[in-house]
Every structure is written in C-alpha cells, then in structure tokens.
Amino acid sequence: MKKVVLTIFLSLVVLSNTKTQYYEVYRRINLLSENTLLFKMKQIGILYPEIVLAQAKIETGNFTSVIFIENNNLFGMKLPERRRTTAIGENRNHAKYTSWVQSLLDYKIWQDGMIHKTPTKRSYLSYLRRNYAEDKNYIKKIKQII
C-alpha cells in the first residue's frame, strides 16, 4: 500500500504546477486509502464493497487517472441525465465532484436505483457486465482484485 501511495503522490506532484496544487494533492492522498474507502462505503451502505473497491481501482488506474485527479471521480461516472446526482458539473466528459466522498455518494445513488435487479453478488457482477463497463474483461479484472 505504501508503494501505491508513494507512486500516486509522485505522479500527482509531477502533474501539479503550483504550491497550492501540491498541498491539495498531499491532502487528497492522506485522506484516501483503501481502508478509508472501505470504511466510508460501509458507513453509507454501499453493497458489495469489495467489488466496488475493485471498480474504483480499475476505473482510476489505482487512483492515478486524470479523471480521478481533476474530477474526484472514483468510478468513471458520466453526468446522469435522469437521476439525482452529487456531481457539480462535468469535465473531460465525466462527472466532476467536490471530493471523492461525493463521488462515492453518487455511486450509492446509482446503486440504490438498480439494486432491486441484483439481490446477490453474482447478479450484481452480471449486471455490471451488461450495463456498466465497456471492457469485456471488466468482471474478470474485478475478480482478480477481490
């Protein structure tokens, strides 16, 4: 985990142009860890947190993607057309959030809207395969992580 945090930190520092951005990067890394993310997921009632953590890792390239860094977007979510959202706008054709916690809350809103279709872990993975990811190996990647 320390190696991942150091890699993220160094990647973000390189991307940072100003002192203010450096401190924001440092603050964000210190606030986000796998344990913190899992704790927050359980706290707000995310179902299948191990799967959702794996999704966050895949979608953010282990928390290093530009979409995550610029948008605080853990899941590559787009700005929804019909459902309620915690997003504050859009950047790079993806939803933008004030914090990764807001991204997680938005995922919870999305999950609540479709969870009646997925009463088991197996059906949840099947739903993700059909409706969430464009990558045909997405579920395989999730299973490799969990």
N, C-alpha and C. Protein backbone atom coordinates (compact mmCIF):
# COMPACT_ATOMS: atom_id res chain seq x y z
N MET A 1 0.83 -1.20 0.00
CA MET A 1 0.00 0.00 0.00
C MET A 1 0.87 1.26 0.00
N LYS A 2 1.98 1.24 0.77
CA LYS A 2 2.86 2.41 0.81
C LYS A 2 3.45 2.70 -0.56
N LYS A 3 3.75 1.64 -1.32
CA LYS A 3 4.31 1.82 -2.65
C LYS A 3 3.28 2.50 -3.56
N VAL A 4 2.02 2.09 -3.45
CA VAL A 4 0.95 2.69 -4.25
C VAL A 4 0.78 4.16 -3.89
N VAL A 5 0.77 4.47 -2.59
CA VAL A 5 0.61 5.85 -2.15
C VAL A 5 1.77 6.70 -2.63
N LEU A 6 2.99 6.18 -2.53
CA LEU A 6 4.16 6.93 -2.99
C LEU A 6 4.09 7.17 -4.50
N THR A 7 3.70 6.15 -5.25
CA THR A 7 3.56 6.30 -6.70
C THR A 7 2.52 7.35 -7.04
N ILE A 8 1.39 7.30 -6.36
CA ILE A 8 0.33 8.29 -6.59
C ILE A 8 0.86 9.68 -6.26
N PHE A 9 1.49 9.79 -5.12
CA PHE A 9 1.99 11.09 -4.68
C PHE A 9 2.96 11.68 -5.71
N LEU A 10 3.91 10.87 -6.13
CA LEU A 10 4.90 11.36 -7.08
C LEU A 10 4.26 11.71 -8.42
N SER A 11 3.30 10.89 -8.87
CA SER A 11 2.60 11.18 -10.12
C SER A 11 1.85 12.49 -10.03
N LEU A 12 1.19 12.70 -8.92
CA LEU A 12 0.41 13.91 -8.76
C LEU A 12 1.28 15.15 -8.60
N VAL A 13 2.41 14.99 -7.94
CA VAL A 13 3.32 16.12 -7.78
C VAL A 13 3.83 16.56 -9.15
N VAL A 14 4.14 15.59 -10.01
CA VAL A 14 4.61 15.93 -11.34
C VAL A 14 3.53 16.69 -12.10
N LEU A 15 2.28 16.29 -11.88
CA LEU A 15 1.17 16.97 -12.56
C LEU A 15 0.88 18.34 -11.97
N SER A 16 1.30 18.56 -10.75
CA SER A 16 0.99 19.81 -10.07
C SER A 16 1.93 20.92 -10.52
N ASN A 17 1.37 22.07 -10.80
CA ASN A 17 2.17 23.20 -11.29
C ASN A 17 2.46 24.24 -10.22
N THR A 18 1.66 24.29 -9.20
CA THR A 18 1.82 25.33 -8.19
C THR A 18 1.89 24.72 -6.80
N LYS A 19 2.31 25.55 -5.87
CA LYS A 19 2.39 25.13 -4.47
C LYS A 19 1.01 24.74 -3.95
N THR A 20 -0.01 25.49 -4.32
CA THR A 20 -1.37 25.19 -3.88
C THR A 20 -1.80 23.82 -4.36
N GLN A 21 -1.53 23.51 -5.62
CA GLN A 21 -1.88 22.20 -6.14
C GLN A 21 -1.11 21.10 -5.42
N TYR A 22 0.14 21.35 -5.07
CA TYR A 22 0.95 20.37 -4.34
C TYR A 22 0.29 20.02 -3.01
N TYR A 23 -0.15 21.04 -2.28
CA TYR A 23 -0.80 20.79 -0.98
C TYR A 23 -2.14 20.09 -1.15
N GLU A 24 -2.86 20.40 -2.21
CA GLU A 24 -4.13 19.71 -2.47
C GLU A 24 -3.88 18.24 -2.76
N VAL A 25 -2.87 17.94 -3.54
CA VAL A 25 -2.51 16.56 -3.85
C VAL A 25 -2.13 15.83 -2.56
N TYR A 26 -1.29 16.44 -1.75
CA TYR A 26 -0.86 15.84 -0.49
C TYR A 26 -2.07 15.57 0.42
N ARG A 27 -2.98 16.53 0.51
CA ARG A 27 -4.17 16.39 1.34
C ARG A 27 -5.05 15.24 0.84
N ARG A 28 -5.24 15.16 -0.45
CA ARG A 28 -6.10 14.13 -1.02
C ARG A 28 -5.55 12.74 -0.76
N ILE A 29 -4.24 12.56 -0.93
CA ILE A 29 -3.62 11.25 -0.70
C ILE A 29 -3.77 10.84 0.75
N ASN A 30 -3.58 11.78 1.66
CA ASN A 30 -3.69 11.45 3.07
C ASN A 30 -5.11 11.11 3.48
N LEU A 31 -6.08 11.61 2.77
CA LEU A 31 -7.47 11.34 3.13
C LEU A 31 -8.01 10.06 2.50
N LEU A 32 -7.34 9.56 1.46
CA LEU A 32 -7.85 8.40 0.75
C LEU A 32 -6.88 7.23 0.88
N SER A 33 -7.40 6.15 1.41
CA SER A 33 -6.67 4.89 1.44
C SER A 33 -7.72 3.80 1.22
N GLU A 34 -7.28 2.60 0.93
CA GLU A 34 -8.24 1.51 0.74
C GLU A 34 -9.09 1.33 1.99
N ASN A 35 -8.46 1.37 3.16
CA ASN A 35 -9.21 1.20 4.41
C ASN A 35 -10.22 2.31 4.62
N THR A 36 -9.82 3.55 4.32
CA THR A 36 -10.73 4.68 4.45
C THR A 36 -11.89 4.54 3.48
N LEU A 37 -11.58 4.15 2.26
CA LEU A 37 -12.61 3.98 1.25
C LEU A 37 -13.60 2.87 1.65
N LEU A 38 -13.08 1.73 2.10
CA LEU A 38 -13.95 0.64 2.54
C LEU A 38 -14.80 1.06 3.75
N PHE A 39 -14.18 1.75 4.69
CA PHE A 39 -14.92 2.23 5.86
C PHE A 39 -16.07 3.13 5.44
N LYS A 40 -15.78 4.07 4.55
CA LYS A 40 -16.80 5.02 4.09
C LYS A 40 -17.91 4.29 3.33
N MET A 41 -17.53 3.30 2.52
CA MET A 41 -18.53 2.52 1.78
C MET A 41 -19.49 1.83 2.74
N LYS A 42 -18.93 1.21 3.75
CA LYS A 42 -19.77 0.51 4.73
C LYS A 42 -20.62 1.50 5.52
N GLN A 43 -20.05 2.65 5.82
CA GLN A 43 -20.75 3.68 6.58
C GLN A 43 -21.99 4.19 5.83
N ILE A 44 -21.88 4.36 4.52
CA ILE A 44 -23.03 4.89 3.77
C ILE A 44 -23.91 3.80 3.17
N GLY A 45 -23.53 2.54 3.36
CA GLY A 45 -24.39 1.44 2.93
C GLY A 45 -24.19 0.95 1.51
N ILE A 46 -22.99 1.13 0.98
CA ILE A 46 -22.68 0.58 -0.35
C ILE A 46 -22.73 -0.94 -0.25
N LEU A 47 -23.44 -1.57 -1.15
CA LEU A 47 -23.47 -3.02 -1.18
C LEU A 47 -22.26 -3.55 -1.94
N TYR A 48 -21.79 -4.71 -1.53
CA TYR A 48 -20.65 -5.37 -2.15
C TYR A 48 -19.41 -4.47 -2.19
N PRO A 49 -18.98 -3.96 -1.04
CA PRO A 49 -17.86 -3.00 -1.02
C PRO A 49 -16.56 -3.53 -1.62
N GLU A 50 -16.30 -4.83 -1.55
CA GLU A 50 -15.08 -5.37 -2.14
C GLU A 50 -15.11 -5.22 -3.66
N ILE A 51 -16.28 -5.45 -4.25
CA ILE A 51 -16.45 -5.29 -5.69
C ILE A 51 -16.30 -3.82 -6.06
N VAL A 52 -16.92 -2.95 -5.28
CA VAL A 52 -16.90 -1.52 -5.57
C VAL A 52 -15.48 -0.96 -5.41
N LEU A 53 -14.73 -1.44 -4.42
CA LEU A 53 -13.33 -1.03 -4.28
C LEU A 53 -12.54 -1.46 -5.51
N ALA A 54 -12.77 -2.68 -5.97
CA ALA A 54 -12.08 -3.15 -7.18
C ALA A 54 -12.44 -2.27 -8.38
N GLN A 55 -13.70 -1.88 -8.47
CA GLN A 55 -14.12 -0.98 -9.55
C GLN A 55 -13.35 0.34 -9.47
N ALA A 56 -13.25 0.90 -8.27
CA ALA A 56 -12.54 2.17 -8.10
C ALA A 56 -11.09 2.04 -8.54
N LYS A 57 -10.45 0.93 -8.19
CA LYS A 57 -9.06 0.72 -8.59
C LYS A 57 -8.93 0.63 -10.10
N ILE A 58 -9.85 -0.10 -10.72
CA ILE A 58 -9.82 -0.25 -12.18
C ILE A 58 -10.10 1.08 -12.86
N GLU A 59 -11.15 1.74 -12.43
CA GLU A 59 -11.60 2.97 -13.09
C GLU A 59 -10.60 4.12 -12.94
N THR A 60 -9.83 4.14 -11.86
CA THR A 60 -8.90 5.23 -11.61
C THR A 60 -7.45 4.87 -11.92
N GLY A 61 -7.22 3.64 -12.38
CA GLY A 61 -5.83 3.22 -12.58
C GLY A 61 -5.08 3.28 -11.26
N ASN A 62 -5.67 2.68 -10.24
CA ASN A 62 -5.13 2.72 -8.87
C ASN A 62 -4.97 4.16 -8.37
N PHE A 63 -6.01 4.95 -8.61
CA PHE A 63 -6.12 6.31 -8.08
C PHE A 63 -5.12 7.28 -8.71
N THR A 64 -4.76 7.05 -9.98
CA THR A 64 -3.81 7.93 -10.65
C THR A 64 -4.36 8.57 -11.91
N SER A 65 -5.57 8.24 -12.34
CA SER A 65 -6.08 8.75 -13.61
C SER A 65 -6.38 10.25 -13.55
N VAL A 66 -6.34 10.87 -14.68
CA VAL A 66 -6.65 12.30 -14.78
C VAL A 66 -8.09 12.56 -14.35
N ILE A 67 -9.00 11.67 -14.71
CA ILE A 67 -10.41 11.84 -14.34
C ILE A 67 -10.55 11.82 -12.81
N PHE A 68 -9.80 10.96 -12.15
CA PHE A 68 -9.85 10.95 -10.69
C PHE A 68 -9.21 12.21 -10.12
N ILE A 69 -8.04 12.56 -10.61
CA ILE A 69 -7.31 13.70 -10.07
C ILE A 69 -8.06 15.01 -10.28
N GLU A 70 -8.54 15.24 -11.48
CA GLU A 70 -9.23 16.50 -11.77
C GLU A 70 -10.67 16.54 -11.30
N ASN A 71 -11.34 15.39 -11.32
CA ASN A 71 -12.79 15.36 -11.05
C ASN A 71 -13.18 14.70 -9.74
N ASN A 72 -12.22 14.16 -9.00
CA ASN A 72 -12.54 13.39 -7.79
C ASN A 72 -13.49 12.24 -8.10
N ASN A 73 -13.41 11.71 -9.31
CA ASN A 73 -14.35 10.71 -9.81
C ASN A 73 -13.74 9.32 -9.67
N LEU A 74 -14.24 8.56 -8.71
CA LEU A 74 -13.71 7.22 -8.42
C LEU A 74 -14.14 6.16 -9.42
N PHE A 75 -15.22 6.39 -10.14
CA PHE A 75 -15.82 5.31 -10.91
C PHE A 75 -16.00 5.59 -12.40
N GLY A 76 -15.42 6.66 -12.88
CA GLY A 76 -15.59 6.99 -14.29
C GLY A 76 -17.03 7.32 -14.65
N MET A 77 -17.78 7.77 -13.65
CA MET A 77 -19.20 8.07 -13.86
C MET A 77 -19.34 9.26 -14.80
N LYS A 78 -20.35 9.18 -15.64
CA LYS A 78 -20.74 10.30 -16.50
C LYS A 78 -21.81 11.10 -15.76
N LEU A 79 -22.04 12.30 -16.21
CA LEU A 79 -23.09 13.12 -15.62
C LEU A 79 -24.43 12.50 -15.99
N PRO A 80 -25.24 12.11 -15.00
CA PRO A 80 -26.50 11.44 -15.32
C PRO A 80 -27.53 12.39 -15.94
N GLU A 81 -28.36 11.83 -16.80
CA GLU A 81 -29.40 12.63 -17.44
C GLU A 81 -30.68 12.66 -16.63
N ARG A 82 -30.99 11.56 -15.93
CA ARG A 82 -32.30 11.46 -15.28
C ARG A 82 -32.28 11.36 -13.76
N ARG A 83 -31.30 10.73 -13.21
CA ARG A 83 -31.31 10.50 -11.76
C ARG A 83 -30.66 11.67 -11.01
N ARG A 84 -30.96 11.73 -9.74
CA ARG A 84 -30.34 12.70 -8.85
C ARG A 84 -28.84 12.42 -8.80
N THR A 85 -28.03 13.45 -8.56
CA THR A 85 -26.58 13.27 -8.53
C THR A 85 -25.93 14.23 -7.53
N THR A 86 -24.75 13.87 -7.09
CA THR A 86 -23.96 14.76 -6.23
C THR A 86 -22.89 15.49 -7.04
N ALA A 87 -22.86 15.25 -8.34
CA ALA A 87 -21.87 15.90 -9.22
C ALA A 87 -22.14 17.40 -9.27
N ILE A 88 -21.06 18.16 -9.43
CA ILE A 88 -21.18 19.63 -9.51
C ILE A 88 -21.03 20.12 -10.94
N GLY A 89 -20.85 19.21 -11.86
CA GLY A 89 -20.68 19.57 -13.26
C GLY A 89 -19.97 18.47 -14.01
N GLU A 90 -19.33 18.87 -15.10
CA GLU A 90 -18.70 17.90 -15.98
C GLU A 90 -17.33 18.42 -16.43
N ASN A 91 -16.39 17.53 -16.53
CA ASN A 91 -15.05 17.84 -17.03
C ASN A 91 -14.55 16.61 -17.77
N ARG A 92 -14.01 16.80 -18.95
CA ARG A 92 -13.49 15.69 -19.75
C ARG A 92 -14.56 14.62 -19.99
N ASN A 93 -15.78 15.09 -20.18
CA ASN A 93 -16.92 14.22 -20.46
C ASN A 93 -17.26 13.25 -19.32
N HIS A 94 -16.85 13.58 -18.10
CA HIS A 94 -17.16 12.78 -16.91
C HIS A 94 -17.68 13.70 -15.81
N ALA A 95 -18.43 13.10 -14.91
CA ALA A 95 -18.96 13.87 -13.78
C ALA A 95 -17.81 14.39 -12.93
N LYS A 96 -18.00 15.59 -12.40
CA LYS A 96 -17.00 16.22 -11.53
C LYS A 96 -17.61 16.37 -10.15
N TYR A 97 -16.82 16.06 -9.11
CA TYR A 97 -17.28 16.11 -7.72
C TYR A 97 -16.37 17.00 -6.89
N THR A 98 -16.90 17.51 -5.80
CA THR A 98 -16.08 18.34 -4.91
C THR A 98 -15.08 17.49 -4.13
N SER A 99 -15.37 16.21 -3.97
CA SER A 99 -14.47 15.31 -3.24
C SER A 99 -14.75 13.87 -3.66
N TRP A 100 -13.84 12.98 -3.33
CA TRP A 100 -14.07 11.57 -3.64
C TRP A 100 -15.25 11.02 -2.85
N VAL A 101 -15.53 11.61 -1.69
CA VAL A 101 -16.69 11.17 -0.90
C VAL A 101 -17.98 11.45 -1.67
N GLN A 102 -18.05 12.61 -2.33
CA GLN A 102 -19.23 12.94 -3.15
C GLN A 102 -19.37 11.96 -4.32
N SER A 103 -18.25 11.53 -4.88
CA SER A 103 -18.27 10.52 -5.94
C SER A 103 -18.83 9.21 -5.40
N LEU A 104 -18.41 8.84 -4.22
CA LEU A 104 -18.90 7.62 -3.58
C LEU A 104 -20.40 7.72 -3.29
N LEU A 105 -20.84 8.87 -2.82
CA LEU A 105 -22.27 9.08 -2.56
C LEU A 105 -23.08 9.00 -3.85
N ASP A 106 -22.53 9.51 -4.94
CA ASP A 106 -23.21 9.42 -6.22
C ASP A 106 -23.32 7.97 -6.68
N TYR A 107 -22.26 7.19 -6.46
CA TYR A 107 -22.31 5.77 -6.79
C TYR A 107 -23.41 5.09 -5.97
N LYS A 108 -23.55 5.47 -4.72
CA LYS A 108 -24.60 4.91 -3.85
C LYS A 108 -25.98 5.23 -4.42
N ILE A 109 -26.17 6.46 -4.89
CA ILE A 109 -27.45 6.83 -5.51
C ILE A 109 -27.70 5.95 -6.73
N TRP A 110 -26.67 5.78 -7.58
CA TRP A 110 -26.78 4.91 -8.75
C TRP A 110 -27.11 3.49 -8.33
N GLN A 111 -26.37 2.99 -7.32
CA GLN A 111 -26.57 1.62 -6.85
C GLN A 111 -27.99 1.42 -6.31
N ASP A 112 -28.48 2.37 -5.54
CA ASP A 112 -29.84 2.27 -4.99
C ASP A 112 -30.90 2.19 -6.08
N GLY A 113 -30.65 2.85 -7.20
CA GLY A 113 -31.62 2.85 -8.30
C GLY A 113 -31.69 1.54 -9.06
N MET A 114 -30.66 0.73 -8.96
CA MET A 114 -30.66 -0.51 -9.73
C MET A 114 -30.54 -1.77 -8.88
N ILE A 115 -30.39 -1.61 -7.59
CA ILE A 115 -30.07 -2.76 -6.74
C ILE A 115 -31.21 -3.79 -6.66
N HIS A 116 -32.43 -3.37 -6.87
CA HIS A 116 -33.53 -4.32 -6.84
C HIS A 116 -33.37 -5.39 -7.93
N LYS A 117 -32.56 -5.09 -8.93
CA LYS A 117 -32.31 -6.04 -10.01
C LYS A 117 -31.17 -7.00 -9.67
N THR A 118 -30.48 -6.75 -8.56
CA THR A 118 -29.27 -7.52 -8.24
C THR A 118 -29.24 -7.94 -6.78
N PRO A 119 -30.08 -8.88 -6.39
CA PRO A 119 -30.14 -9.26 -4.97
C PRO A 119 -28.96 -10.09 -4.47
N THR A 120 -28.10 -10.56 -5.38
CA THR A 120 -26.94 -11.35 -4.96
C THR A 120 -25.66 -10.77 -5.58
N LYS A 121 -24.54 -11.17 -5.01
CA LYS A 121 -23.25 -10.73 -5.54
C LYS A 121 -23.08 -11.17 -6.99
N ARG A 122 -23.50 -12.37 -7.27
CA ARG A 122 -23.39 -12.91 -8.64
C ARG A 122 -24.23 -12.09 -9.62
N SER A 123 -25.46 -11.76 -9.23
CA SER A 123 -26.32 -10.98 -10.12
C SER A 123 -25.80 -9.55 -10.26
N TYR A 124 -25.15 -9.04 -9.21
CA TYR A 124 -24.56 -7.70 -9.28
C TYR A 124 -23.43 -7.68 -10.31
N LEU A 125 -22.56 -8.67 -10.26
CA LEU A 125 -21.48 -8.76 -11.24
C LEU A 125 -22.04 -8.92 -12.66
N SER A 126 -23.08 -9.70 -12.78
CA SER A 126 -23.71 -9.89 -14.08
C SER A 126 -24.30 -8.57 -14.59
N TYR A 127 -24.92 -7.81 -13.70
CA TYR A 127 -25.46 -6.51 -14.08
C TYR A 127 -24.35 -5.57 -14.53
N LEU A 128 -23.24 -5.56 -13.78
CA LEU A 128 -22.11 -4.71 -14.16
C LEU A 128 -21.59 -5.10 -15.53
N ARG A 129 -21.52 -6.38 -15.80
CA ARG A 129 -21.02 -6.86 -17.09
C ARG A 129 -21.91 -6.34 -18.22
N ARG A 130 -23.21 -6.39 -18.03
CA ARG A 130 -24.14 -6.00 -19.09
C ARG A 130 -24.34 -4.49 -19.21
N ASN A 131 -24.28 -3.75 -18.09
CA ASN A 131 -24.74 -2.37 -18.09
C ASN A 131 -23.73 -1.31 -17.66
N TYR A 132 -22.60 -1.69 -17.14
CA TYR A 132 -21.71 -0.69 -16.56
C TYR A 132 -20.47 -0.45 -17.39
N ALA A 133 -19.75 -1.50 -17.67
CA ALA A 133 -18.43 -1.34 -18.29
C ALA A 133 -18.43 -1.69 -19.77
N GLU A 134 -17.61 -0.98 -20.51
CA GLU A 134 -17.43 -1.27 -21.92
C GLU A 134 -16.41 -2.39 -22.13
N ASP A 135 -15.51 -2.55 -21.17
CA ASP A 135 -14.45 -3.56 -21.24
C ASP A 135 -15.05 -4.96 -21.05
N LYS A 136 -14.85 -5.83 -22.02
CA LYS A 136 -15.40 -7.18 -21.94
C LYS A 136 -14.74 -8.00 -20.83
N ASN A 137 -13.56 -7.60 -20.38
CA ASN A 137 -12.85 -8.31 -19.31
C ASN A 137 -13.03 -7.66 -17.95
N TYR A 138 -13.98 -6.75 -17.84
CA TYR A 138 -14.18 -5.98 -16.61
C TYR A 138 -14.41 -6.88 -15.39
N ILE A 139 -15.30 -7.82 -15.50
CA ILE A 139 -15.62 -8.70 -14.37
C ILE A 139 -14.42 -9.58 -14.03
N LYS A 140 -13.72 -10.04 -15.04
CA LYS A 140 -12.51 -10.82 -14.80
C LYS A 140 -11.49 -10.00 -14.00
N LYS A 141 -11.34 -8.74 -14.37
CA LYS A 141 -10.42 -7.85 -13.67
C LYS A 141 -10.86 -7.64 -12.23
N ILE A 142 -12.16 -7.46 -12.02
CA ILE A 142 -12.69 -7.31 -10.65
C ILE A 142 -12.36 -8.54 -9.83
N LYS A 143 -12.62 -9.70 -10.38
CA LYS A 143 -12.38 -10.96 -9.66
C LYS A 143 -10.90 -11.15 -9.35
N GLN A 144 -10.02 -10.67 -10.21
CA GLN A 144 -8.58 -10.78 -9.94
C GLN A 144 -8.18 -9.91 -8.76
N ILE A 145 -8.88 -8.80 -8.59
CA ILE A 145 -8.55 -7.88 -7.48
C ILE A 145 -9.14 -8.36 -6.16
N ILE A 146 -10.38 -8.87 -6.20
CA ILE A 146 -11.00 -9.32 -4.96
C ILE A 146 -10.63 -10.74 -4.69
